[in-house]
mmCIF file of all heavy atoms, coordinates in Angstrom:
data_MODEL
# 
_entry.id   MODEL 
# 
loop_
_atom_site.group_PDB 
_atom_site.id 
_atom_site.type_symbol 
_atom_site.label_atom_id 
_atom_site.label_alt_id 
_atom_site.label_comp_id 
_atom_site.label_asym_id 
_atom_site.label_entity_id 
_atom_site.label_seq_id 
_atom_site.pdbx_PDB_ins_code 
_atom_site.Cartn_x 
_atom_site.Cartn_y 
_atom_site.Cartn_z 
_atom_site.occupancy 
_atom_site.B_iso_or_equiv 
_atom_site.pdbx_formal_charge 
_atom_site.auth_seq_id 
_atom_site.auth_comp_id 
_atom_site.auth_asym_id 
_atom_site.auth_atom_id 
_atom_site.pdbx_PDB_model_num 
ATOM 1   N N   . LEU A 1 1  ? 10.305 38.505 98.742 1.00 0.00 ? 1  LEU A N   1 
ATOM 2   C CA  . LEU A 1 1  ? 11.380 39.230 98.070 1.00 0.00 ? 1  LEU A CA  1 
ATOM 3   C C   . LEU A 1 1  ? 12.182 38.405 97.060 1.00 0.00 ? 1  LEU A C   1 
ATOM 4   O O   . LEU A 1 1  ? 12.524 38.926 95.989 1.00 0.00 ? 1  LEU A O   1 
ATOM 5   C CB  . LEU A 1 1  ? 12.322 39.845 99.108 1.00 0.00 ? 1  LEU A CB  1 
ATOM 6   C CG  . LEU A 1 1  ? 13.402 40.780 98.546 1.00 0.00 ? 1  LEU A CG  1 
ATOM 7   C CD1 . LEU A 1 1  ? 12.754 41.944 97.808 1.00 0.00 ? 1  LEU A CD1 1 
ATOM 8   C CD2 . LEU A 1 1  ? 14.312 41.282 99.665 1.00 0.00 ? 1  LEU A CD2 1 
ATOM 9   N N   . PRO A 1 2  ? 12.505 37.129 97.336 1.00 0.00 ? 2  PRO A N   1 
ATOM 10  C CA  . PRO A 1 2  ? 13.336 36.403 96.360 1.00 0.00 ? 2  PRO A CA  1 
ATOM 11  C C   . PRO A 1 2  ? 12.744 36.375 94.955 1.00 0.00 ? 2  PRO A C   1 
ATOM 12  O O   . PRO A 1 2  ? 13.441 36.656 93.974 1.00 0.00 ? 2  PRO A O   1 
ATOM 13  C CB  . PRO A 1 2  ? 13.446 34.999 96.972 1.00 0.00 ? 2  PRO A CB  1 
ATOM 14  C CG  . PRO A 1 2  ? 13.316 35.236 98.442 1.00 0.00 ? 2  PRO A CG  1 
ATOM 15  C CD  . PRO A 1 2  ? 12.309 36.328 98.572 1.00 0.00 ? 2  PRO A CD  1 
ATOM 16  N N   . TRP A 1 3  ? 11.454 36.046 94.853 1.00 0.00 ? 3  TRP A N   1 
ATOM 17  C CA  . TRP A 1 3  ? 10.874 36.004 93.512 1.00 0.00 ? 3  TRP A CA  1 
ATOM 18  C C   . TRP A 1 3  ? 10.741 37.397 92.911 1.00 0.00 ? 3  TRP A C   1 
ATOM 19  O O   . TRP A 1 3  ? 10.972 37.584 91.709 1.00 0.00 ? 3  TRP A O   1 
ATOM 20  C CB  . TRP A 1 3  ? 9.501  35.321 93.524 1.00 0.00 ? 3  TRP A CB  1 
ATOM 21  C CG  . TRP A 1 3  ? 8.896  35.319 92.145 1.00 0.00 ? 3  TRP A CG  1 
ATOM 22  C CD1 . TRP A 1 3  ? 9.252  34.504 91.107 1.00 0.00 ? 3  TRP A CD1 1 
ATOM 23  C CD2 . TRP A 1 3  ? 7.908  36.205 91.636 1.00 0.00 ? 3  TRP A CD2 1 
ATOM 24  N NE1 . TRP A 1 3  ? 8.515  34.814 89.985 1.00 0.00 ? 3  TRP A NE1 1 
ATOM 25  C CE2 . TRP A 1 3  ? 7.681  35.857 90.277 1.00 0.00 ? 3  TRP A CE2 1 
ATOM 26  C CE3 . TRP A 1 3  ? 7.174  37.252 92.199 1.00 0.00 ? 3  TRP A CE3 1 
ATOM 27  C CZ2 . TRP A 1 3  ? 6.755  36.528 89.487 1.00 0.00 ? 3  TRP A CZ2 1 
ATOM 28  C CZ3 . TRP A 1 3  ? 6.254  37.927 91.409 1.00 0.00 ? 3  TRP A CZ3 1 
ATOM 29  C CH2 . TRP A 1 3  ? 6.053  37.566 90.074 1.00 0.00 ? 3  TRP A CH2 1 
ATOM 30  N N   . ILE A 1 4  ? 10.353 38.391 93.734 1.00 0.00 ? 4  ILE A N   1 
ATOM 31  C CA  . ILE A 1 4  ? 10.249 39.762 93.218 1.00 0.00 ? 4  ILE A CA  1 
ATOM 32  C C   . ILE A 1 4  ? 11.584 40.206 92.639 1.00 0.00 ? 4  ILE A C   1 
ATOM 33  O O   . ILE A 1 4  ? 11.649 40.820 91.558 1.00 0.00 ? 4  ILE A O   1 
ATOM 34  C CB  . ILE A 1 4  ? 9.804  40.737 94.332 1.00 0.00 ? 4  ILE A CB  1 
ATOM 35  C CG1 . ILE A 1 4  ? 8.377  40.419 94.786 1.00 0.00 ? 4  ILE A CG1 1 
ATOM 36  C CG2 . ILE A 1 4  ? 9.911  42.182 93.867 1.00 0.00 ? 4  ILE A CG2 1 
ATOM 37  C CD1 . ILE A 1 4  ? 7.318  40.724 93.756 1.00 0.00 ? 4  ILE A CD1 1 
ATOM 38  N N   . ALA A 1 5  ? 12.679 39.889 93.341 1.00 0.00 ? 5  ALA A N   1 
ATOM 39  C CA  . ALA A 1 5  ? 14.004 40.271 92.848 1.00 0.00 ? 5  ALA A CA  1 
ATOM 40  C C   . ALA A 1 5  ? 14.323 39.556 91.537 1.00 0.00 ? 5  ALA A C   1 
ATOM 41  O O   . ALA A 1 5  ? 14.815 40.164 90.580 1.00 0.00 ? 5  ALA A O   1 
ATOM 42  C CB  . ALA A 1 5  ? 15.068 39.957 93.903 1.00 0.00 ? 5  ALA A CB  1 
ATOM 43  N N   . LEU A 1 6  ? 14.018 38.250 91.475 1.00 0.00 ? 6  LEU A N   1 
ATOM 44  C CA  . LEU A 1 6  ? 14.312 37.475 90.268 1.00 0.00 ? 6  LEU A CA  1 
ATOM 45  C C   . LEU A 1 6  ? 13.509 37.956 89.064 1.00 0.00 ? 6  LEU A C   1 
ATOM 46  O O   . LEU A 1 6  ? 14.052 38.143 87.971 1.00 0.00 ? 6  LEU A O   1 
ATOM 47  C CB  . LEU A 1 6  ? 14.033 35.990 90.521 1.00 0.00 ? 6  LEU A CB  1 
ATOM 48  C CG  . LEU A 1 6  ? 15.079 35.214 91.321 1.00 0.00 ? 6  LEU A CG  1 
ATOM 49  C CD1 . LEU A 1 6  ? 14.560 33.826 91.661 1.00 0.00 ? 6  LEU A CD1 1 
ATOM 50  C CD2 . LEU A 1 6  ? 16.387 35.114 90.539 1.00 0.00 ? 6  LEU A CD2 1 
ATOM 51  N N   . ILE A 1 7  ? 12.201 38.170 89.253 1.00 0.00 ? 7  ILE A N   1 
ATOM 52  C CA  . ILE A 1 7  ? 11.377 38.567 88.115 1.00 0.00 ? 7  ILE A CA  1 
ATOM 53  C C   . ILE A 1 7  ? 11.677 40.004 87.704 1.00 0.00 ? 7  ILE A C   1 
ATOM 54  O O   . ILE A 1 7  ? 11.606 40.346 86.510 1.00 0.00 ? 7  ILE A O   1 
ATOM 55  C CB  . ILE A 1 7  ? 9.870  38.371 88.426 1.00 0.00 ? 7  ILE A CB  1 
ATOM 56  C CG1 . ILE A 1 7  ? 9.040  38.503 87.147 1.00 0.00 ? 7  ILE A CG1 1 
ATOM 57  C CG2 . ILE A 1 7  ? 9.377  39.365 89.463 1.00 0.00 ? 7  ILE A CG2 1 
ATOM 58  C CD1 . ILE A 1 7  ? 9.333  37.488 86.088 1.00 0.00 ? 7  ILE A CD1 1 
ATOM 59  N N   . SER A 1 8  ? 12.034 40.865 88.644 1.00 0.00 ? 8  SER A N   1 
ATOM 60  C CA  . SER A 1 8  ? 12.394 42.240 88.297 1.00 0.00 ? 8  SER A CA  1 
ATOM 61  C C   . SER A 1 8  ? 13.664 42.253 87.451 1.00 0.00 ? 8  SER A C   1 
ATOM 62  O O   . SER A 1 8  ? 13.772 42.998 86.468 1.00 0.00 ? 8  SER A O   1 
ATOM 63  C CB  . SER A 1 8  ? 12.585 43.081 89.558 1.00 0.00 ? 8  SER A CB  1 
ATOM 64  O OG  . SER A 1 8  ? 11.375 43.170 90.289 1.00 0.00 ? 8  SER A OG  1 
ATOM 65  N N   . TRP A 1 9  ? 14.613 41.383 87.825 1.00 0.00 ? 9  TRP A N   1 
ATOM 66  C CA  . TRP A 1 9  ? 15.848 41.285 87.053 1.00 0.00 ? 9  TRP A CA  1 
ATOM 67  C C   . TRP A 1 9  ? 15.580 40.684 85.673 1.00 0.00 ? 9  TRP A C   1 
ATOM 68  O O   . TRP A 1 9  ? 16.044 41.205 84.657 1.00 0.00 ? 9  TRP A O   1 
ATOM 69  C CB  . TRP A 1 9  ? 16.864 40.441 87.820 1.00 0.00 ? 9  TRP A CB  1 
ATOM 70  C CG  . TRP A 1 9  ? 18.061 40.060 86.998 1.00 0.00 ? 9  TRP A CG  1 
ATOM 71  C CD1 . TRP A 1 9  ? 19.113 40.861 86.634 1.00 0.00 ? 9  TRP A CD1 1 
ATOM 72  C CD2 . TRP A 1 9  ? 18.311 38.771 86.405 1.00 0.00 ? 9  TRP A CD2 1 
ATOM 73  N NE1 . TRP A 1 9  ? 20.010 40.154 85.863 1.00 0.00 ? 9  TRP A NE1 1 
ATOM 74  C CE2 . TRP A 1 9  ? 19.546 38.868 85.708 1.00 0.00 ? 9  TRP A CE2 1 
ATOM 75  C CE3 . TRP A 1 9  ? 17.634 37.569 86.415 1.00 0.00 ? 9  TRP A CE3 1 
ATOM 76  C CZ2 . TRP A 1 9  ? 20.091 37.794 85.024 1.00 0.00 ? 9  TRP A CZ2 1 
ATOM 77  C CZ3 . TRP A 1 9  ? 18.167 36.491 85.725 1.00 0.00 ? 9  TRP A CZ3 1 
ATOM 78  C CH2 . TRP A 1 9  ? 19.383 36.614 85.050 1.00 0.00 ? 9  TRP A CH2 1 
ATOM 79  N N   . LYS A 1 10 ? 14.797 39.620 85.656 1.00 0.00 ? 10 LYS A N   1 
ATOM 80  C CA  . LYS A 1 10 ? 14.559 38.914 84.393 1.00 0.00 ? 10 LYS A CA  1 
ATOM 81  C C   . LYS A 1 10 ? 13.716 39.743 83.430 1.00 0.00 ? 10 LYS A C   1 
ATOM 82  O O   . LYS A 1 10 ? 13.896 39.673 82.209 1.00 0.00 ? 10 LYS A O   1 
ATOM 83  C CB  . LYS A 1 10 ? 13.876 37.574 84.671 1.00 0.00 ? 10 LYS A CB  1 
ATOM 84  C CG  . LYS A 1 10 ? 13.796 36.677 83.445 1.00 0.00 ? 10 LYS A CG  1 
ATOM 85  C CD  . LYS A 1 10 ? 13.596 35.229 83.842 1.00 0.00 ? 10 LYS A CD  1 
ATOM 86  C CE  . LYS A 1 10 ? 13.749 34.315 82.630 1.00 0.00 ? 10 LYS A CE  1 
ATOM 87  N NZ  . LYS A 1 10 ? 13.729 32.897 82.991 1.00 0.00 ? 10 LYS A NZ  1 
ATOM 88  N N   . SER A 1 11 ? 12.760 40.523 83.964 1.00 0.00 ? 11 SER A N   1 
ATOM 89  C CA  . SER A 1 11 ? 11.862 41.299 83.109 1.00 0.00 ? 11 SER A CA  1 
ATOM 90  C C   . SER A 1 11 ? 12.346 42.718 82.887 1.00 0.00 ? 11 SER A C   1 
ATOM 91  O O   . SER A 1 11 ? 11.678 43.497 82.198 1.00 0.00 ? 11 SER A O   1 
ATOM 92  C CB  . SER A 1 11 ? 10.462 41.338 83.722 1.00 0.00 ? 11 SER A CB  1 
ATOM 93  O OG  . SER A 1 11 ? 10.464 42.081 84.938 1.00 0.00 ? 11 SER A OG  1 
ATOM 94  N N   . GLY A 1 12 ? 13.491 43.074 83.465 1.00 0.00 ? 12 GLY A N   1 
ATOM 95  C CA  . GLY A 1 12 ? 13.989 44.440 83.329 1.00 0.00 ? 12 GLY A CA  1 
ATOM 96  C C   . GLY A 1 12 ? 13.074 45.465 83.964 1.00 0.00 ? 12 GLY A C   1 
ATOM 97  O O   . GLY A 1 12 ? 12.973 46.602 83.490 1.00 0.00 ? 12 GLY A O   1 
ATOM 98  N N   . GLY A 1 13 ? 12.408 45.074 85.057 1.00 0.00 ? 13 GLY A N   1 
ATOM 99  C CA  . GLY A 1 13 ? 11.499 45.980 85.755 1.00 0.00 ? 13 GLY A CA  1 
ATOM 100 C C   . GLY A 1 13 ? 10.088 45.991 85.195 1.00 0.00 ? 13 GLY A C   1 
ATOM 101 O O   . GLY A 1 13 ? 9.211  46.679 85.728 1.00 0.00 ? 13 GLY A O   1 
ATOM 102 N N   . ALA A 1 14 ? 9.837  45.220 84.139 1.00 0.00 ? 14 ALA A N   1 
ATOM 103 C CA  . ALA A 1 14 ? 8.515  45.243 83.502 1.00 0.00 ? 14 ALA A CA  1 
ATOM 104 C C   . ALA A 1 14 ? 7.428  44.671 84.403 1.00 0.00 ? 14 ALA A C   1 
ATOM 105 O O   . ALA A 1 14 ? 6.270  45.091 84.332 1.00 0.00 ? 14 ALA A O   1 
ATOM 106 C CB  . ALA A 1 14 ? 8.552  44.461 82.189 1.00 0.00 ? 14 ALA A CB  1 
ATOM 107 N N   . PHE A 1 15 ? 7.797  43.688 85.266 1.00 0.00 ? 15 PHE A N   1 
ATOM 108 C CA  . PHE A 1 15 ? 6.772  43.090 86.124 1.00 0.00 ? 15 PHE A CA  1 
ATOM 109 C C   . PHE A 1 15 ? 6.139  44.134 87.035 1.00 0.00 ? 15 PHE A C   1 
ATOM 110 O O   . PHE A 1 15 ? 4.909  44.262 87.090 1.00 0.00 ? 15 PHE A O   1 
ATOM 111 C CB  . PHE A 1 15 ? 7.351  41.950 86.971 1.00 0.00 ? 15 PHE A CB  1 
ATOM 112 C CG  . PHE A 1 15 ? 6.383  41.484 88.034 1.00 0.00 ? 15 PHE A CG  1 
ATOM 113 C CD1 . PHE A 1 15 ? 5.312  40.675 87.691 1.00 0.00 ? 15 PHE A CD1 1 
ATOM 114 C CD2 . PHE A 1 15 ? 6.503  41.889 89.356 1.00 0.00 ? 15 PHE A CD2 1 
ATOM 115 C CE1 . PHE A 1 15 ? 4.395  40.271 88.648 1.00 0.00 ? 15 PHE A CE1 1 
ATOM 116 C CE2 . PHE A 1 15 ? 5.596  41.491 90.319 1.00 0.00 ? 15 PHE A CE2 1 
ATOM 117 C CZ  . PHE A 1 15 ? 4.537  40.677 89.959 1.00 0.00 ? 15 PHE A CZ  1 
ATOM 118 N N   . LEU A 1 16 ? 6.944  44.888 87.780 1.00 0.00 ? 16 LEU A N   1 
ATOM 119 C CA  . LEU A 1 16 ? 6.390  45.872 88.700 1.00 0.00 ? 16 LEU A CA  1 
ATOM 120 C C   . LEU A 1 16 ? 5.644  46.962 87.944 1.00 0.00 ? 16 LEU A C   1 
ATOM 121 O O   . LEU A 1 16 ? 4.599  47.444 88.411 1.00 0.00 ? 16 LEU A O   1 
ATOM 122 C CB  . LEU A 1 16 ? 7.512  46.485 89.549 1.00 0.00 ? 16 LEU A CB  1 
ATOM 123 C CG  . LEU A 1 16 ? 8.153  45.537 90.567 1.00 0.00 ? 16 LEU A CG  1 
ATOM 124 C CD1 . LEU A 1 16 ? 9.318  46.210 91.271 1.00 0.00 ? 16 LEU A CD1 1 
ATOM 125 C CD2 . LEU A 1 16 ? 7.122  45.071 91.591 1.00 0.00 ? 16 LEU A CD2 1 
ATOM 126 N N   . GLN A 1 17 ? 6.158  47.341 86.789 1.00 0.00 ? 17 GLN A N   1 
ATOM 127 C CA  . GLN A 1 17 ? 5.490  48.371 86.002 1.00 0.00 ? 17 GLN A CA  1 
ATOM 128 C C   . GLN A 1 17 ? 4.109  47.905 85.553 1.00 0.00 ? 17 GLN A C   1 
ATOM 129 O O   . GLN A 1 17 ? 3.134  48.657 85.626 1.00 0.00 ? 17 GLN A O   1 
ATOM 130 C CB  . GLN A 1 17 ? 6.337  48.726 84.783 1.00 0.00 ? 17 GLN A CB  1 
ATOM 131 C CG  . GLN A 1 17 ? 5.733  49.835 83.921 1.00 0.00 ? 17 GLN A CG  1 
ATOM 132 C CD  . GLN A 1 17 ? 6.594  50.144 82.702 1.00 0.00 ? 17 GLN A CD  1 
ATOM 133 O OE1 . GLN A 1 17 ? 7.644  49.534 82.505 1.00 0.00 ? 17 GLN A OE1 1 
ATOM 134 N NE2 . GLN A 1 17 ? 6.156  51.079 81.900 1.00 0.00 ? 17 GLN A NE2 1 
ATOM 135 N N   . GLN A 1 18 ? 4.006  46.649 85.103 1.00 0.00 ? 18 GLN A N   1 
ATOM 136 C CA  . GLN A 1 18 ? 2.728  46.148 84.610 1.00 0.00 ? 18 GLN A CA  1 
ATOM 137 C C   . GLN A 1 18 ? 1.799  45.755 85.747 1.00 0.00 ? 18 GLN A C   1 
ATOM 138 O O   . GLN A 1 18 ? 0.609  46.090 85.725 1.00 0.00 ? 18 GLN A O   1 
ATOM 139 C CB  . GLN A 1 18 ? 2.955  44.956 83.689 1.00 0.00 ? 18 GLN A CB  1 
ATOM 140 C CG  . GLN A 1 18 ? 1.687  44.475 83.003 1.00 0.00 ? 18 GLN A CG  1 
ATOM 141 C CD  . GLN A 1 18 ? 1.969  43.430 81.928 1.00 0.00 ? 18 GLN A CD  1 
ATOM 142 O OE1 . GLN A 1 18 ? 3.078  43.349 81.411 1.00 0.00 ? 18 GLN A OE1 1 
ATOM 143 N NE2 . GLN A 1 18 ? 0.974  42.626 81.593 1.00 0.00 ? 18 GLN A NE2 1 
ATOM 144 N N   . ALA A 1 19 ? 2.325  45.036 86.765 1.00 0.00 ? 19 ALA A N   1 
ATOM 145 C CA  . ALA A 1 19 ? 1.471  44.528 87.840 1.00 0.00 ? 19 ALA A CA  1 
ATOM 146 C C   . ALA A 1 19 ? 0.958  45.648 88.728 1.00 0.00 ? 19 ALA A C   1 
ATOM 147 O O   . ALA A 1 19 ? -0.216 45.665 89.114 1.00 0.00 ? 19 ALA A O   1 
ATOM 148 C CB  . ALA A 1 19 ? 2.228  43.505 88.684 1.00 0.00 ? 19 ALA A CB  1 
ATOM 149 N N   . VAL A 1 20 ? 1.845  46.588 89.076 1.00 0.00 ? 20 VAL A N   1 
ATOM 150 C CA  . VAL A 1 20 ? 1.455  47.671 89.984 1.00 0.00 ? 20 VAL A CA  1 
ATOM 151 C C   . VAL A 1 20 ? 0.972  48.891 89.211 1.00 0.00 ? 20 VAL A C   1 
ATOM 152 O O   . VAL A 1 20 ? -0.123 49.401 89.432 1.00 0.00 ? 20 VAL A O   1 
ATOM 153 C CB  . VAL A 1 20 ? 2.639  48.059 90.906 1.00 0.00 ? 20 VAL A CB  1 
ATOM 154 C CG1 . VAL A 1 20 ? 2.239  49.210 91.827 1.00 0.00 ? 20 VAL A CG1 1 
ATOM 155 C CG2 . VAL A 1 20 ? 3.084  46.852 91.722 1.00 0.00 ? 20 VAL A CG2 1 
ATOM 156 N N   . GLY A 1 21 ? 1.806  49.354 88.259 1.00 0.00 ? 21 GLY A N   1 
ATOM 157 C CA  . GLY A 1 21 ? 1.471  50.583 87.560 1.00 0.00 ? 21 GLY A CA  1 
ATOM 158 C C   . GLY A 1 21 ? 0.262  50.472 86.660 1.00 0.00 ? 21 GLY A C   1 
ATOM 159 O O   . GLY A 1 21 ? -0.540 51.399 86.564 1.00 0.00 ? 21 GLY A O   1 
ATOM 160 N N   . LYS A 1 22 ? 0.115  49.337 85.983 1.00 0.00 ? 22 LYS A N   1 
ATOM 161 C CA  . LYS A 1 22 ? -0.979 49.196 85.020 1.00 0.00 ? 22 LYS A CA  1 
ATOM 162 C C   . LYS A 1 22 ? -2.167 48.435 85.591 1.00 0.00 ? 22 LYS A C   1 
ATOM 163 O O   . LYS A 1 22 ? -3.291 48.932 85.587 1.00 0.00 ? 22 LYS A O   1 
ATOM 164 C CB  . LYS A 1 22 ? -0.468 48.482 83.758 1.00 0.00 ? 22 LYS A CB  1 
ATOM 165 C CG  . LYS A 1 22 ? -1.525 48.347 82.672 1.00 0.00 ? 22 LYS A CG  1 
ATOM 166 C CD  . LYS A 1 22 ? -0.957 47.653 81.442 1.00 0.00 ? 22 LYS A CD  1 
ATOM 167 C CE  . LYS A 1 22 ? -2.034 47.469 80.371 1.00 0.00 ? 22 LYS A CE  1 
ATOM 168 N NZ  . LYS A 1 22 ? -1.508 46.759 79.177 1.00 0.00 ? 22 LYS A NZ  1 
ATOM 169 N N   . ASP A 1 23 ? -1.919 47.237 86.122 1.00 0.00 ? 23 ASP A N   1 
ATOM 170 C CA  . ASP A 1 23 ? -3.032 46.383 86.541 1.00 0.00 ? 23 ASP A CA  1 
ATOM 171 C C   . ASP A 1 23 ? -3.694 46.907 87.812 1.00 0.00 ? 23 ASP A C   1 
ATOM 172 O O   . ASP A 1 23 ? -4.895 47.208 87.828 1.00 0.00 ? 23 ASP A O   1 
ATOM 173 C CB  . ASP A 1 23 ? -2.542 44.953 86.754 1.00 0.00 ? 23 ASP A CB  1 
ATOM 174 C CG  . ASP A 1 23 ? -3.679 43.985 87.039 1.00 0.00 ? 23 ASP A CG  1 
ATOM 175 O OD1 . ASP A 1 23 ? -4.499 43.759 86.137 1.00 0.00 ? 23 ASP A OD1 1 
ATOM 176 O OD2 . ASP A 1 23 ? -3.759 43.475 88.167 1.00 0.00 ? 23 ASP A OD2 1 
ATOM 177 N N   . MET A 1 24 ? -2.930 47.067 88.892 1.00 0.00 ? 24 MET A N   1 
ATOM 178 C CA  . MET A 1 24 ? -3.531 47.422 90.171 1.00 0.00 ? 24 MET A CA  1 
ATOM 179 C C   . MET A 1 24 ? -3.995 48.875 90.191 1.00 0.00 ? 24 MET A C   1 
ATOM 180 O O   . MET A 1 24 ? -5.156 49.172 90.491 1.00 0.00 ? 24 MET A O   1 
ATOM 181 C CB  . MET A 1 24 ? -2.540 47.176 91.311 1.00 0.00 ? 24 MET A CB  1 
ATOM 182 C CG  . MET A 1 24 ? -3.155 47.386 92.694 1.00 0.00 ? 24 MET A CG  1 
ATOM 183 S SD  . MET A 1 24 ? -2.001 46.995 94.021 1.00 0.00 ? 24 MET A SD  1 
ATOM 184 C CE  . MET A 1 24 ? -0.881 48.399 93.904 1.00 0.00 ? 24 MET A CE  1 
ATOM 185 N N   . LEU A 1 25 ? -3.090 49.819 89.872 1.00 0.00 ? 25 LEU A N   1 
ATOM 186 C CA  . LEU A 1 25 ? -3.456 51.230 89.924 1.00 0.00 ? 25 LEU A CA  1 
ATOM 187 C C   . LEU A 1 25 ? -4.473 51.581 88.847 1.00 0.00 ? 25 LEU A C   1 
ATOM 188 O O   . LEU A 1 25 ? -5.320 52.451 89.047 1.00 0.00 ? 25 LEU A O   1 
ATOM 189 C CB  . LEU A 1 25 ? -2.206 52.104 89.787 1.00 0.00 ? 25 LEU A CB  1 
ATOM 190 C CG  . LEU A 1 25 ? -1.187 51.981 90.932 1.00 0.00 ? 25 LEU A CG  1 
ATOM 191 C CD1 . LEU A 1 25 ? -0.010 52.916 90.705 1.00 0.00 ? 25 LEU A CD1 1 
ATOM 192 C CD2 . LEU A 1 25 ? -1.852 52.280 92.275 1.00 0.00 ? 25 LEU A CD2 1 
ATOM 193 N N   . GLY A 1 26 ? -4.410 50.882 87.710 1.00 0.00 ? 26 GLY A N   1 
ATOM 194 C CA  . GLY A 1 26 ? -5.406 51.116 86.668 1.00 0.00 ? 26 GLY A CA  1 
ATOM 195 C C   . GLY A 1 26 ? -6.808 50.755 87.127 1.00 0.00 ? 26 GLY A C   1 
ATOM 196 O O   . GLY A 1 26 ? -7.778 51.453 86.825 1.00 0.00 ? 26 GLY A O   1 
ATOM 197 N N   . LYS A 1 27 ? -6.932 49.665 87.863 1.00 0.00 ? 27 LYS A N   1 
ATOM 198 C CA  . LYS A 1 27 ? -8.247 49.263 88.367 1.00 0.00 ? 27 LYS A CA  1 
ATOM 199 C C   . LYS A 1 27 ? -8.767 50.231 89.419 1.00 0.00 ? 27 LYS A C   1 
ATOM 200 O O   . LYS A 1 27 ? -9.969 50.456 89.539 1.00 0.00 ? 27 LYS A O   1 
ATOM 201 C CB  . LYS A 1 27 ? -8.170 47.849 88.951 1.00 0.00 ? 27 LYS A CB  1 
ATOM 202 C CG  . LYS A 1 27 ? -7.984 46.767 87.897 1.00 0.00 ? 27 LYS A CG  1 
ATOM 203 C CD  . LYS A 1 27 ? -7.838 45.399 88.530 1.00 0.00 ? 27 LYS A CD  1 
ATOM 204 C CE  . LYS A 1 27 ? -7.651 44.338 87.450 1.00 0.00 ? 27 LYS A CE  1 
ATOM 205 N NZ  . LYS A 1 27 ? -7.460 42.995 88.027 1.00 0.00 ? 27 LYS A NZ  1 
# 
């Protein structure tokens, strides 16, 4: 959780959108 929280804040939510929404679900 600590890194997920930090990267979500720093990327404005882009990390979860790209990693989960695009990369994982896309595959």
